[in-house]
Amino acid sequence: MEEKVSIIGIIVENSDSTDKLNELLHKYSSYIIGRMGIPYKKKDINVISIVLDAPADIINTLSGKIGMLDGISSKVVCSKS
């Protein structure tokens, strides 16, 4: 299956779910190119971007699992090729 470069944008509003988030990211670490996290103290949230090089089904599975965590939302942007 063709691999695509993608970005998963993550907003963490419930810090109690960060352990589960980190477990997921560790599980898929072989696909992760880079990660950037920014705490936004004014709103008491964290914004994380994950850059992946992976097949579309892996990208969608990971994003779906992240989005199912309590207080965490995610969206994906994929390259066209």
PDB file of N, CA and C in Angstrom:
ATOM      1  N   MET A   1       0.839  -1.180   0.000  1.00  0.00           N
ATOM      2  CA  MET A   1       0.000   0.000   0.000  1.00  0.00           C
ATOM      3  C   MET A   1       0.890   1.251   0.000  1.00  0.00           C
ATOM      4  N   GLU A   2       0.465   2.245  -0.720  1.00  0.00           N
ATOM      5  CA  GLU A   2       1.223   3.489  -0.845  1.00  0.00           C
ATOM      6  C   GLU A   2       1.229   4.268   0.470  1.00  0.00           C
ATOM      7  N   GLU A   3       2.404   4.739   0.844  1.00  0.00           N
ATOM      8  CA  GLU A   3       2.522   5.557   2.049  1.00  0.00           C
ATOM      9  C   GLU A   3       2.367   7.028   1.699  1.00  0.00           C
ATOM     10  N   LYS A   4       1.766   7.776   2.605  1.00  0.00           N
ATOM     11  CA  LYS A   4       1.563   9.213   2.427  1.00  0.00           C
ATOM     12  C   LYS A   4       2.144   9.948   3.619  1.00  0.00           C
ATOM     13  N   VAL A   5       2.575  11.159   3.357  1.00  0.00           N
ATOM     14  CA  VAL A   5       2.995  12.029   4.444  1.00  0.00           C
ATOM     15  C   VAL A   5       1.742  12.752   4.929  1.00  0.00           C
ATOM     16  N   SER A   6       1.571  12.764   6.234  1.00  0.00           N
ATOM     17  CA  SER A   6       0.383  13.399   6.797  1.00  0.00           C
ATOM     18  C   SER A   6       0.718  14.075   8.118  1.00  0.00           C
ATOM     19  N   ILE A   7      -0.204  14.918   8.536  1.00  0.00           N
ATOM     20  CA  ILE A   7      -0.112  15.591   9.832  1.00  0.00           C
ATOM     21  C   ILE A   7      -1.391  15.271  10.596  1.00  0.00           C
ATOM     22  N   ILE A   8      -1.226  14.825  11.821  1.00  0.00           N
ATOM     23  CA  ILE A   8      -2.374  14.692  12.714  1.00  0.00           C
ATOM     24  C   ILE A   8      -2.288  15.845  13.702  1.00  0.00           C
ATOM     25  N   GLY A   9      -3.301  16.709  13.678  1.00  0.00           N
ATOM     26  CA  GLY A   9      -3.402  17.803  14.637  1.00  0.00           C
ATOM     27  C   GLY A   9      -4.215  17.337  15.832  1.00  0.00           C
ATOM     28  N   ILE A  10      -3.683  17.529  17.017  1.00  0.00           N
ATOM     29  CA  ILE A  10      -4.321  17.017  18.237  1.00  0.00           C
ATOM     30  C   ILE A  10      -4.501  18.158  19.237  1.00  0.00           C
ATOM     31  N   ILE A  11      -5.697  18.229  19.819  1.00  0.00           N
ATOM     32  CA  ILE A  11      -5.965  19.180  20.904  1.00  0.00           C
ATOM     33  C   ILE A  11      -6.292  18.358  22.149  1.00  0.00           C
ATOM     34  N   VAL A  12      -5.526  18.602  23.211  1.00  0.00           N
ATOM     35  CA  VAL A  12      -5.726  17.881  24.475  1.00  0.00           C
ATOM     36  C   VAL A  12      -6.367  18.843  25.467  1.00  0.00           C
ATOM     37  N   GLU A  13      -7.619  18.556  25.819  1.00  0.00           N
ATOM     38  CA  GLU A  13      -8.330  19.366  26.798  1.00  0.00           C
ATOM     39  C   GLU A  13      -8.433  18.659  28.148  1.00  0.00           C
ATOM     40  N   ASN A  14      -8.139  17.368  28.174  1.00  0.00           N
ATOM     41  CA  ASN A  14      -8.171  16.580  29.413  1.00  0.00           C
ATOM     42  C   ASN A  14      -6.800  15.939  29.599  1.00  0.00           C
ATOM     43  N   SER A  15      -5.993  16.514  30.458  1.00  0.00           N
ATOM     44  CA  SER A  15      -4.630  16.015  30.646  1.00  0.00           C
ATOM     45  C   SER A  15      -4.592  14.622  31.275  1.00  0.00           C
ATOM     46  N   ASP A  16      -5.712  14.157  31.833  1.00  0.00           N
ATOM     47  CA  ASP A  16      -5.762  12.800  32.382  1.00  0.00           C
ATOM     48  C   ASP A  16      -5.639  11.733  31.290  1.00  0.00           C
ATOM     49  N   SER A  17      -5.862  12.114  30.039  1.00  0.00           N
ATOM     50  CA  SER A  17      -5.790  11.166  28.922  1.00  0.00           C
ATOM     51  C   SER A  17      -4.424  11.140  28.240  1.00  0.00           C
ATOM     52  N   THR A  18      -3.470  11.927  28.719  1.00  0.00           N
ATOM     53  CA  THR A  18      -2.183  12.009  28.021  1.00  0.00           C
ATOM     54  C   THR A  18      -1.377  10.712  28.099  1.00  0.00           C
ATOM     55  N   ASP A  19      -1.507   9.947  29.173  1.00  0.00           N
ATOM     56  CA  ASP A  19      -0.793   8.668  29.243  1.00  0.00           C
ATOM     57  C   ASP A  19      -1.262   7.731  28.143  1.00  0.00           C
ATOM     58  N   LYS A  20      -2.570   7.647  27.934  1.00  0.00           N
ATOM     59  CA  LYS A  20      -3.114   6.799  26.874  1.00  0.00           C
ATOM     60  C   LYS A  20      -2.695   7.312  25.502  1.00  0.00           C
ATOM     61  N   LEU A  21      -2.666   8.635  25.330  1.00  0.00           N
ATOM     62  CA  LEU A  21      -2.216   9.222  24.068  1.00  0.00           C
ATOM     63  C   LEU A  21      -0.766   8.847  23.801  1.00  0.00           C
ATOM     64  N   ASN A  22       0.079   8.989  24.799  1.00  0.00           N
ATOM     65  CA  ASN A  22       1.494   8.654  24.624  1.00  0.00           C
ATOM     66  C   ASN A  22       1.703   7.173  24.335  1.00  0.00           C
ATOM     67  N   GLU A  23       0.891   6.305  24.935  1.00  0.00           N
ATOM     68  CA  GLU A  23       0.965   4.872  24.632  1.00  0.00           C
ATOM     69  C   GLU A  23       0.646   4.605  23.163  1.00  0.00           C
ATOM     70  N   LEU A  24      -0.399   5.267  22.657  1.00  0.00           N
ATOM     71  CA  LEU A  24      -0.752   5.114  21.242  1.00  0.00           C
ATOM     72  C   LEU A  24       0.371   5.598  20.327  1.00  0.00           C
ATOM     73  N   LEU A  25       0.915   6.768  20.642  1.00  0.00           N
ATOM     74  CA  LEU A  25       1.981   7.319  19.799  1.00  0.00           C
ATOM     75  C   LEU A  25       3.220   6.421  19.835  1.00  0.00           C
ATOM     76  N   HIS A  26       3.505   5.834  20.975  1.00  0.00           N
ATOM     77  CA  HIS A  26       4.635   4.907  21.066  1.00  0.00           C
ATOM     78  C   HIS A  26       4.386   3.666  20.202  1.00  0.00           C
ATOM     79  N   LYS A  27       3.154   3.174  20.231  1.00  0.00           N
ATOM     80  CA  LYS A  27       2.791   1.985  19.440  1.00  0.00           C
ATOM     81  C   LYS A  27       2.998   2.232  17.945  1.00  0.00           C
ATOM     82  N   TYR A  28       2.751   3.445  17.484  1.00  0.00           N
ATOM     83  CA  TYR A  28       2.866   3.791  16.068  1.00  0.00           C
ATOM     84  C   TYR A  28       4.154   4.572  15.764  1.00  0.00           C
ATOM     85  N   SER A  29       5.120   4.524  16.656  1.00  0.00           N
ATOM     86  CA  SER A  29       6.328   5.348  16.529  1.00  0.00           C
ATOM     87  C   SER A  29       7.146   5.053  15.275  1.00  0.00           C
ATOM     88  N   SER A  30       7.037   3.854  14.729  1.00  0.00           N
ATOM     89  CA  SER A  30       7.813   3.530  13.524  1.00  0.00           C
ATOM     90  C   SER A  30       7.353   4.344  12.317  1.00  0.00           C
ATOM     91  N   TYR A  31       6.160   4.918  12.371  1.00  0.00           N
ATOM     92  CA  TYR A  31       5.627   5.731  11.271  1.00  0.00           C
ATOM     93  C   TYR A  31       5.823   7.227  11.505  1.00  0.00           C
ATOM     94  N   ILE A  32       6.186   7.612  12.720  1.00  0.00           N
ATOM     95  CA  ILE A  32       6.257   9.032  13.082  1.00  0.00           C
ATOM     96  C   ILE A  32       7.594   9.632  12.660  1.00  0.00           C
ATOM     97  N   ILE A  33       7.505  10.708  11.877  1.00  0.00           N
ATOM     98  CA  ILE A  33       8.697  11.457  11.441  1.00  0.00           C
ATOM     99  C   ILE A  33       9.087  12.467  12.517  1.00  0.00           C
ATOM    100  N   GLY A  34       8.094  13.137  13.077  1.00  0.00           N
ATOM    101  CA  GLY A  34       8.363  14.157  14.092  1.00  0.00           C
ATOM    102  C   GLY A  34       7.113  14.513  14.870  1.00  0.00           C
ATOM    103  N   ARG A  35       7.345  15.184  15.987  1.00  0.00           N
ATOM    104  CA  ARG A  35       6.260  15.545  16.897  1.00  0.00           C
ATOM    105  C   ARG A  35       6.576  16.892  17.516  1.00  0.00           C
ATOM    106  N   MET A  36       5.547  17.747  17.626  1.00  0.00           N
ATOM    107  CA  MET A  36       5.723  19.036  18.282  1.00  0.00           C
ATOM    108  C   MET A  36       4.523  19.272  19.200  1.00  0.00           C
ATOM    109  N   GLY A  37       4.804  19.606  20.433  1.00  0.00           N
ATOM    110  CA  GLY A  37       3.745  19.903  21.380  1.00  0.00           C
ATOM    111  C   GLY A  37       3.893  21.302  21.934  1.00  0.00           C
ATOM    112  N   ILE A  38       2.770  21.991  22.033  1.00  0.00           N
ATOM    113  CA  ILE A  38       2.772  23.360  22.544  1.00  0.00           C
ATOM    114  C   ILE A  38       1.723  23.477  23.646  1.00  0.00           C
ATOM    115  N   PRO A  39       2.151  23.736  24.876  1.00  0.00           N
ATOM    116  CA  PRO A  39       1.160  23.979  25.928  1.00  0.00           C
ATOM    117  C   PRO A  39       0.619  25.402  25.793  1.00  0.00           C
ATOM    118  N   TYR A  40      -0.697  25.537  25.877  1.00  0.00           N
ATOM    119  CA  TYR A  40      -1.329  26.856  25.810  1.00  0.00           C
ATOM    120  C   TYR A  40      -1.988  27.103  27.155  1.00  0.00           C
ATOM    121  N   LYS A  41      -1.210  27.687  28.061  1.00  0.00           N
ATOM    122  CA  LYS A  41      -1.628  27.841  29.448  1.00  0.00           C
ATOM    123  C   LYS A  41      -2.859  28.740  29.611  1.00  0.00           C
ATOM    124  N   LYS A  42      -3.000  29.727  28.739  1.00  0.00           N
ATOM    125  CA  LYS A  42      -4.140  30.643  28.836  1.00  0.00           C
ATOM    126  C   LYS A  42      -5.470  29.892  28.745  1.00  0.00           C
ATOM    127  N   LYS A  43      -5.519  28.868  27.914  1.00  0.00           N
ATOM    128  CA  LYS A  43      -6.749  28.084  27.724  1.00  0.00           C
ATOM    129  C   LYS A  43      -6.681  26.723  28.430  1.00  0.00           C
ATOM    130  N   ASP A  44      -5.554  26.431  29.076  1.00  0.00           N
ATOM    131  CA  ASP A  44      -5.327  25.165  29.771  1.00  0.00           C
ATOM    132  C   ASP A  44      -5.516  23.964  28.834  1.00  0.00           C
ATOM    133  N   ILE A  45      -4.916  24.067  27.636  1.00  0.00           N
ATOM    134  CA  ILE A  45      -4.938  22.974  26.667  1.00  0.00           C
ATOM    135  C   ILE A  45      -3.525  22.756  26.133  1.00  0.00           C
ATOM    136  N   ASN A  46      -3.347  21.647  25.440  1.00  0.00           N
ATOM    137  CA  ASN A  46      -2.098  21.373  24.739  1.00  0.00           C
ATOM    138  C   ASN A  46      -2.416  21.108  23.277  1.00  0.00           C
ATOM    139  N   VAL A  47      -1.578  21.641  22.402  1.00  0.00           N
ATOM    140  CA  VAL A  47      -1.730  21.448  20.963  1.00  0.00           C
ATOM    141  C   VAL A  47      -0.529  20.639  20.491  1.00  0.00           C
ATOM    142  N   ILE A  48      -0.804  19.533  19.820  1.00  0.00           N
ATOM    143  CA  ILE A  48       0.256  18.628  19.375  1.00  0.00           C
ATOM    144  C   ILE A  48       0.091  18.382  17.885  1.00  0.00           C
ATOM    145  N   SER A  49       1.208  18.380  17.163  1.00  0.00           N
ATOM    146  CA  SER A  49       1.169  17.967  15.755  1.00  0.00           C
ATOM    147  C   SER A  49       2.121  16.789  15.585  1.00  0.00           C
ATOM    148  N   ILE A  50       1.630  15.784  14.886  1.00  0.00           N
ATOM    149  CA  ILE A  50       2.388  14.574  14.611  1.00  0.00           C
ATOM    150  C   ILE A  50       2.528  14.455  13.103  1.00  0.00           C
ATOM    151  N   VAL A  51       3.753  14.318  12.612  1.00  0.00           N
ATOM    152  CA  VAL A  51       3.994  14.130  11.177  1.00  0.00           C
ATOM    153  C   VAL A  51       4.321  12.659  10.958  1.00  0.00           C
ATOM    154  N   LEU A  52       3.592  12.046  10.022  1.00  0.00           N
ATOM    155  CA  LEU A  52       3.735  10.618   9.759  1.00  0.00           C
ATOM    156  C   LEU A  52       4.067  10.350   8.295  1.00  0.00           C
ATOM    157  N   ASP A  53       4.711   9.237   8.061  1.00  0.00           N
ATOM    158  CA  ASP A  53       4.868   8.675   6.715  1.00  0.00           C
ATOM    159  C   ASP A  53       4.348   7.252   6.829  1.00  0.00           C
ATOM    160  N   ALA A  54       3.094   7.037   6.397  1.00  0.00           N
ATOM    161  CA  ALA A  54       2.424   5.764   6.655  1.00  0.00           C
ATOM    162  C   ALA A  54       1.337   5.512   5.616  1.00  0.00           C
ATOM    163  N   PRO A  55       0.905   4.257   5.507  1.00  0.00           N
ATOM    164  CA  PRO A  55      -0.256   3.953   4.659  1.00  0.00           C
ATOM    165  C   PRO A  55      -1.510   4.633   5.209  1.00  0.00           C
ATOM    166  N   ALA A  56      -2.446   4.927   4.330  1.00  0.00           N
ATOM    167  CA  ALA A  56      -3.661   5.649   4.718  1.00  0.00           C
ATOM    168  C   ALA A  56      -4.433   4.933   5.821  1.00  0.00           C
ATOM    169  N   ASP A  57      -4.491   3.601   5.794  1.00  0.00           N
ATOM    170  CA  ASP A  57      -5.254   2.901   6.823  1.00  0.00           C
ATOM    171  C   ASP A  57      -4.619   3.048   8.209  1.00  0.00           C
ATOM    172  N   ILE A  58      -3.290   3.116   8.271  1.00  0.00           N
ATOM    173  CA  ILE A  58      -2.595   3.329   9.552  1.00  0.00           C
ATOM    174  C   ILE A  58      -2.884   4.739  10.059  1.00  0.00           C
ATOM    175  N   ILE A  59      -2.807   5.712   9.178  1.00  0.00           N
ATOM    176  CA  ILE A  59      -3.071   7.114   9.544  1.00  0.00           C
ATOM    177  C   ILE A  59      -4.477   7.258  10.101  1.00  0.00           C
ATOM    178  N   ASN A  60      -5.454   6.701   9.386  1.00  0.00           N
ATOM    179  CA  ASN A  60      -6.852   6.818   9.812  1.00  0.00           C
ATOM    180  C   ASN A  60      -7.121   6.054  11.107  1.00  0.00           C
ATOM    181  N   THR A  61      -6.503   4.888  11.257  1.00  0.00           N
ATOM    182  CA  THR A  61      -6.673   4.115  12.484  1.00  0.00           C
ATOM    183  C   THR A  61      -6.126   4.873  13.689  1.00  0.00           C
ATOM    184  N   LEU A  62      -4.914   5.405  13.552  1.00  0.00           N
ATOM    185  CA  LEU A  62      -4.309   6.145  14.657  1.00  0.00           C
ATOM    186  C   LEU A  62      -5.139   7.373  15.011  1.00  0.00           C
ATOM    187  N   SER A  63      -5.540   8.139  14.017  1.00  0.00           N
ATOM    188  CA  SER A  63      -6.337   9.336  14.283  1.00  0.00           C
ATOM    189  C   SER A  63      -7.662   8.989  14.944  1.00  0.00           C
ATOM    190  N   GLY A  64      -8.291   7.906  14.496  1.00  0.00           N
ATOM    191  CA  GLY A  64      -9.548   7.480  15.096  1.00  0.00           C
ATOM    192  C   GLY A  64      -9.385   7.074  16.549  1.00  0.00           C
ATOM    193  N   LYS A  65      -8.316   6.342  16.845  1.00  0.00           N
ATOM    194  CA  LYS A  65      -8.059   5.927  18.225  1.00  0.00           C
ATOM    195  C   LYS A  65      -7.770   7.132  19.111  1.00  0.00           C
ATOM    196  N   ILE A  66      -7.031   8.106  18.575  1.00  0.00           N
ATOM    197  CA  ILE A  66      -6.741   9.324  19.336  1.00  0.00           C
ATOM    198  C   ILE A  66      -8.038  10.075  19.620  1.00  0.00           C
ATOM    199  N   GLY A  67      -8.879  10.217  18.606  1.00  0.00           N
ATOM    200  CA  GLY A  67     -10.137  10.951  18.750  1.00  0.00           C
ATOM    201  C   GLY A  67     -11.111  10.305  19.720  1.00  0.00           C
ATOM    202  N   MET A  68     -10.945   9.017  20.001  1.00  0.00           N
ATOM    203  CA  MET A  68     -11.826   8.320  20.943  1.00  0.00           C
ATOM    204  C   MET A  68     -11.406   8.523  22.399  1.00  0.00           C
ATOM    205  N   LEU A  69     -10.223   9.073  22.622  1.00  0.00           N
ATOM    206  CA  LEU A  69      -9.770   9.329  23.993  1.00  0.00           C
ATOM    207  C   LEU A  69     -10.553  10.489  24.591  1.00  0.00           C
ATOM    208  N   ASP A  70     -10.853  10.396  25.868  1.00  0.00           N
ATOM    209  CA  ASP A  70     -11.636  11.413  26.557  1.00  0.00           C
ATOM    210  C   ASP A  70     -10.912  12.757  26.577  1.00  0.00           C
ATOM    211  N   GLY A  71     -11.575  13.792  26.074  1.00  0.00           N
ATOM    212  CA  GLY A  71     -11.015  15.141  26.123  1.00  0.00           C
ATOM    213  C   GLY A  71      -9.931  15.411  25.105  1.00  0.00           C
ATOM    214  N   ILE A  72      -9.832  14.566  24.074  1.00  0.00           N
ATOM    215  CA  ILE A  72      -8.826  14.745  23.030  1.00  0.00           C
ATOM    216  C   ILE A  72      -9.509  14.685  21.674  1.00  0.00           C
ATOM    217  N   SER A  73      -9.188  15.644  20.808  1.00  0.00           N
ATOM    218  CA  SER A  73      -9.719  15.624  19.438  1.00  0.00           C
ATOM    219  C   SER A  73      -8.574  15.651  18.443  1.00  0.00           C
ATOM    220  N   SER A  74      -8.829  15.108  17.253  1.00  0.00           N
ATOM    221  CA  SER A  74      -7.772  15.062  16.246  1.00  0.00           C
ATOM    222  C   SER A  74      -8.341  15.209  14.847  1.00  0.00           C
ATOM    223  N   LYS A  75      -7.523  15.724  13.952  1.00  0.00           N
ATOM    224  CA  LYS A  75      -7.856  15.870  12.526  1.00  0.00           C
ATOM    225  C   LYS A  75      -6.617  15.539  11.727  1.00  0.00           C
ATOM    226  N   VAL A  76      -6.831  15.052  10.510  1.00  0.00           N
ATOM    227  CA  VAL A  76      -5.730  14.625   9.651  1.00  0.00           C
ATOM    228  C   VAL A  76      -5.700  15.455   8.377  1.00  0.00           C
ATOM    229  N   VAL A  77      -4.484  15.780   7.940  1.00  0.00           N
ATOM    230  CA  VAL A  77      -4.246  16.368   6.614  1.00  0.00           C
ATOM    231  C   VAL A  77      -3.217  15.491   5.932  1.00  0.00           C
ATOM    232  N   CYS A  78      -3.528  15.019   4.705  1.00  0.00           N
ATOM    233  CA  CYS A  78      -2.619  14.113   3.994  1.00  0.00           C
ATOM    234  C   CYS A  78      -2.106  14.759   2.713  1.00  0.00           C
ATOM    235  N   SER A  79      -0.900  14.345   2.323  1.00  0.00           N
ATOM    236  CA  SER A  79      -0.360  14.763   1.037  1.00  0.00           C
ATOM    237  C   SER A  79      -1.180  14.105  -0.069  1.00  0.00           C
ATOM    238  N   LYS A  80      -1.141  14.690  -1.258  1.00  0.00           N
ATOM    239  CA  LYS A  80      -1.893  14.140  -2.378  1.00  0.00           C
ATOM    240  C   LYS A  80      -1.216  12.943  -2.994  1.00  0.00           C
ATOM    241  N   SER A  81       0.084  12.830  -2.789  1.00  0.00           N
ATOM    242  CA  SER A  81       0.782  11.687  -3.380  1.00  0.00           C
ATOM    243  C   SER A  81       1.559  10.914  -2.346  1.00  0.00           C
TER     244      SER A  81
END
